[in-house]
Protein backbone atom coordinates (compact mmCIF):
# COMPACT_ATOMS: atom_id res chain seq x y z
CA MET A 1 -8.36 8.70 5.97
CA LEU A 2 -5.02 6.95 5.34
CA ASP A 3 -6.38 3.94 7.26
CA ARG A 4 -8.57 3.24 4.23
CA ILE A 5 -5.57 1.58 2.57
CA ARG A 6 -6.53 -1.53 4.57
CA ASP A 7 -9.79 -1.76 2.59
CA GLU A 8 -9.46 -4.33 -0.17
CA SER A 9 -10.85 -1.97 -2.82
CA VAL A 10 -8.54 0.96 -1.92
CA HIS A 11 -5.20 1.08 -3.73
CA LEU A 12 -4.25 4.66 -2.83
CA ALA A 13 -5.10 6.69 0.23
CA LEU A 14 -4.37 10.41 -0.17
CA TRP A 15 -4.06 13.10 2.44
CA ARG A 16 -3.95 16.39 0.58
CA ARG A 17 -2.44 18.98 2.85
CA PRO A 18 -0.02 21.85 2.57
CA ARG A 19 3.52 21.31 3.74
CA LEU A 20 4.08 22.73 7.21
CA ALA A 21 5.31 26.33 7.03
CA ALA A 22 8.11 25.31 9.41
CA LEU A 23 9.51 23.23 6.52
CA ASP A 24 9.61 26.00 3.90
CA TRP A 25 13.38 26.21 4.46
CA LEU A 26 13.70 22.90 2.59
CA ASP A 27 13.16 24.79 -0.69
CA GLU A 28 16.50 26.54 -0.07
CA LEU A 29 18.36 23.50 1.24
CA ASP A 30 21.59 22.72 -0.64
CA CYS A 31 20.86 19.09 -1.46
CA ASP A 32 24.50 18.53 -2.48
CA GLU A 33 25.48 19.07 1.16
CA ILE A 34 23.25 16.40 2.70
CA ASP A 35 23.27 12.63 2.61
CA ASP A 36 20.31 10.30 2.26
CA VAL A 37 18.94 8.85 5.48
CA GLN A 38 18.14 5.14 5.22
CA GLU A 39 17.40 3.48 8.53
CA THR A 40 15.12 0.82 9.94
CA VAL A 41 13.91 2.15 13.27
CA ALA A 42 11.81 0.68 16.08
CA LEU A 43 9.00 3.01 17.12
CA ALA A 44 10.56 3.30 20.56
CA ASP A 45 13.76 4.65 18.94
CA LEU A 46 12.25 7.35 16.72
CA ASN A 47 13.50 10.01 19.11
CA GLY A 48 16.95 9.33 17.64
CA LEU A 49 15.89 10.84 14.32
CA PRO A 50 17.41 14.31 15.01
CA ALA A 51 20.81 12.65 15.46
CA MET A 52 20.34 10.76 12.17
CA LEU A 53 19.57 14.04 10.40
CA SER A 54 22.62 15.66 11.95
CA ALA A 55 24.80 12.73 10.82
CA ALA A 56 23.41 13.26 7.28
CA ASN A 57 24.61 16.90 7.41
CA TYR A 58 21.22 18.54 7.86
CA PRO A 59 21.73 21.90 9.60
CA ASP A 60 21.65 21.78 13.39
CA HIS A 61 18.89 24.26 14.19
CA ALA A 62 15.21 24.48 15.06
CA CYS A 63 14.20 23.92 11.43
CA THR A 64 15.72 20.46 11.47
CA VAL A 65 13.81 19.72 14.68
CA ALA A 66 10.62 20.54 12.73
CA LEU A 67 11.67 18.14 9.95
CA ALA A 68 12.38 15.39 12.51
CA GLY A 69 8.96 15.99 14.06
CA GLU A 70 7.27 15.68 10.68
CA VAL A 71 9.07 12.43 9.86
CA ILE A 72 8.35 10.98 13.31
CA ALA A 73 4.64 11.82 13.06
CA HIS A 74 4.37 10.14 9.66
CA ALA A 75 6.36 7.12 10.87
CA GLN A 76 4.11 6.66 13.89
CA ARG A 77 0.96 7.00 11.77
CA PHE A 78 2.24 4.58 9.13
CA ALA A 79 3.32 2.01 11.74
CA ARG A 80 -0.10 2.17 13.38
CA ILE A 81 -1.90 1.69 10.06
CA MET A 82 0.39 -1.19 9.08
CA ASP A 83 0.33 -2.71 12.59
CA SER A 84 4.12 -2.61 12.79
CA ASP A 85 6.47 -1.90 15.68
CA GLY A 86 8.97 -0.17 13.40
CA VAL A 87 9.49 1.50 10.06
CA ARG A 88 12.08 1.67 7.36
CA ILE A 89 12.77 5.37 6.76
CA ARG A 90 14.28 6.75 3.57
CA LEU A 91 14.72 10.49 3.40
CA GLU A 92 16.39 10.91 0.07
CA VAL A 93 17.46 13.50 -2.42
CA VAL A 94 16.32 12.51 -5.91
CA GLU A 95 18.22 14.17 -8.75
CA THR A 96 17.52 11.74 -11.57
CA ASP A 97 14.57 10.03 -13.17
CA ALA A 98 14.66 7.29 -10.54
CA CYS A 99 11.61 5.07 -10.90
CA ARG A 100 10.71 6.86 -14.13
CA LYS A 101 8.20 4.25 -15.28
CA PHE A 102 4.79 3.90 -13.67
CA HIS A 103 4.94 0.91 -11.34
CA MET A 104 3.72 -0.72 -8.14
CA ASP A 105 6.32 -1.52 -5.48
CA HIS A 106 6.87 -4.99 -4.03
CA VAL A 107 5.79 -4.01 -0.50
CA GLU A 108 2.57 -4.23 1.50
CA ALA A 109 2.15 -0.48 1.23
CA ARG A 110 4.49 2.49 0.81
CA LEU A 111 3.97 5.96 2.24
CA LEU A 112 5.40 8.76 0.09
CA VAL A 113 5.64 12.40 1.15
CA PRO A 114 7.32 14.82 -1.24
CA LEU A 115 8.93 17.43 0.98
CA THR A 116 9.88 19.63 -1.99
CA GLU A 117 8.48 19.93 -5.49
CA PRO A 118 7.98 18.26 -7.87
CA GLY A 119 6.03 15.49 -6.17
CA THR A 120 5.46 11.87 -7.03
CA GLN A 121 3.13 11.24 -9.98
CA TRP A 122 0.41 8.59 -10.11
CA ILE A 123 -2.03 7.25 -12.67
CA GLU A 124 -4.88 4.76 -12.80
CA ALA A 125 -4.08 1.39 -14.32
CA ASP A 126 -6.01 -0.39 -17.04
CA PRO A 127 -7.69 -3.76 -16.25
CA ASP A 128 -4.38 -5.54 -16.96
CA GLY A 129 -2.48 -3.39 -14.48
CA ARG A 130 -0.69 -1.24 -17.06
CA PRO A 131 -0.84 2.56 -17.16
CA ASP A 132 -4.15 3.66 -18.67
CA ALA A 133 -3.12 5.89 -21.58
CA ALA A 134 -6.45 7.73 -21.38
CA ALA A 135 -6.15 8.47 -17.66
CA PRO A 136 -4.76 11.79 -16.46
CA ILE A 137 -1.45 11.89 -14.62
CA HIS A 138 -1.89 13.19 -11.07
CA GLN A 139 0.87 14.65 -8.91
CA LEU A 140 1.43 14.96 -5.19
CA ARG A 141 2.35 18.41 -3.94
CA ALA A 142 4.95 19.13 -1.26
CA GLY A 143 3.35 18.06 2.01
CA ASP A 144 0.79 15.69 0.49
CA VAL A 145 0.81 12.14 1.82
CA GLY A 146 0.22 9.22 -0.51
CA LEU A 147 -0.14 5.71 0.88
CA PHE A 148 0.16 3.32 -2.06
CA LYS A 149 -0.82 -0.33 -1.81
CA GLY A 150 1.92 -2.69 -3.01
CA ARG A 151 2.21 -6.02 -4.79
CA VAL A 152 2.42 -7.98 -1.54
CA LEU A 153 -1.28 -7.19 -1.01
CA VAL A 154 -2.47 -6.83 -4.62
CA GLU A 155 -1.74 -8.93 -7.68
CA THR A 156 -3.12 -6.55 -10.32
CA PRO A 157 -2.57 -2.87 -9.59
CA ARG A 158 -5.23 -0.24 -10.03
CA ILE A 159 -2.88 2.65 -9.19
CA LEU A 160 0.70 3.07 -10.42
CA HIS A 161 3.22 5.74 -9.44
CA ARG A 162 6.57 7.13 -10.60
CA SER A 163 9.11 9.83 -9.91
CA PRO A 164 8.44 12.90 -12.06
CA PRO A 165 10.86 13.30 -14.96
CA ILE A 166 13.57 15.76 -13.87
CA PHE A 167 16.73 14.48 -15.61
CA GLY A 168 18.77 17.33 -17.04
CA THR A 169 16.70 20.06 -15.40
CA GLY A 170 19.00 20.68 -12.42
CA VAL A 171 16.05 20.08 -10.09
CA SER A 172 16.49 18.07 -6.89
CA ARG A 173 13.60 16.75 -4.86
CA LEU A 174 13.49 15.69 -1.23
CA LEU A 175 11.29 12.66 -0.68
CA LEU A 176 10.24 10.80 2.47
CA VAL A 177 9.58 7.09 1.90
CA LEU A 178 8.25 4.79 4.64
CA ASP A 179 7.97 1.01 4.44
CA THR A 180 7.44 -1.73 6.97
CA PRO A 181 10.79 -3.06 8.25
CA LEU A 182 10.71 -6.30 6.28
CA ALA A 183 9.72 -4.63 3.01
CA VAL A 184 11.70 -5.43 -0.08
CA ALA A 185 12.73 -2.40 -2.15
CA GLY A 186 10.99 -2.25 -5.47
């Protein structure tokens, strides 16, 4: 289903699924105690992810092994779809209104998996590539996988996404972001 992102007419491939029960502990994770993980990793080196999580102060226990397994599975799937031998992994705590405006990233495609709520929001664009004011705002749930086509492959977006507004609420979200290794942040 996510492979459909390679179709010219598809701008968003969604995999609606519940978050693995083995990751429910993330709802209680003290996000102030962990660091973001930002690494470009060859597929052959993904087995080093548990050490990266440990270095970022994730707890050293079986739950973290489940998180590493989830990230590795998504990284392998994304790399296969994008025909890449590596991935750029960002596992980040978002505490602000980062990317608060609807936009399309300057990448080929970006895989987003909210690991805690609230999830990334998306909206259909108007014919000029701006947010369609009449379109409903959709939201990924924890565990959902959204593969968003980027500006490298599309000049005029049909789907735009943003971080949900959380500034001043005290809410932190944990988000997995995967790009191809040569992707430019956007």
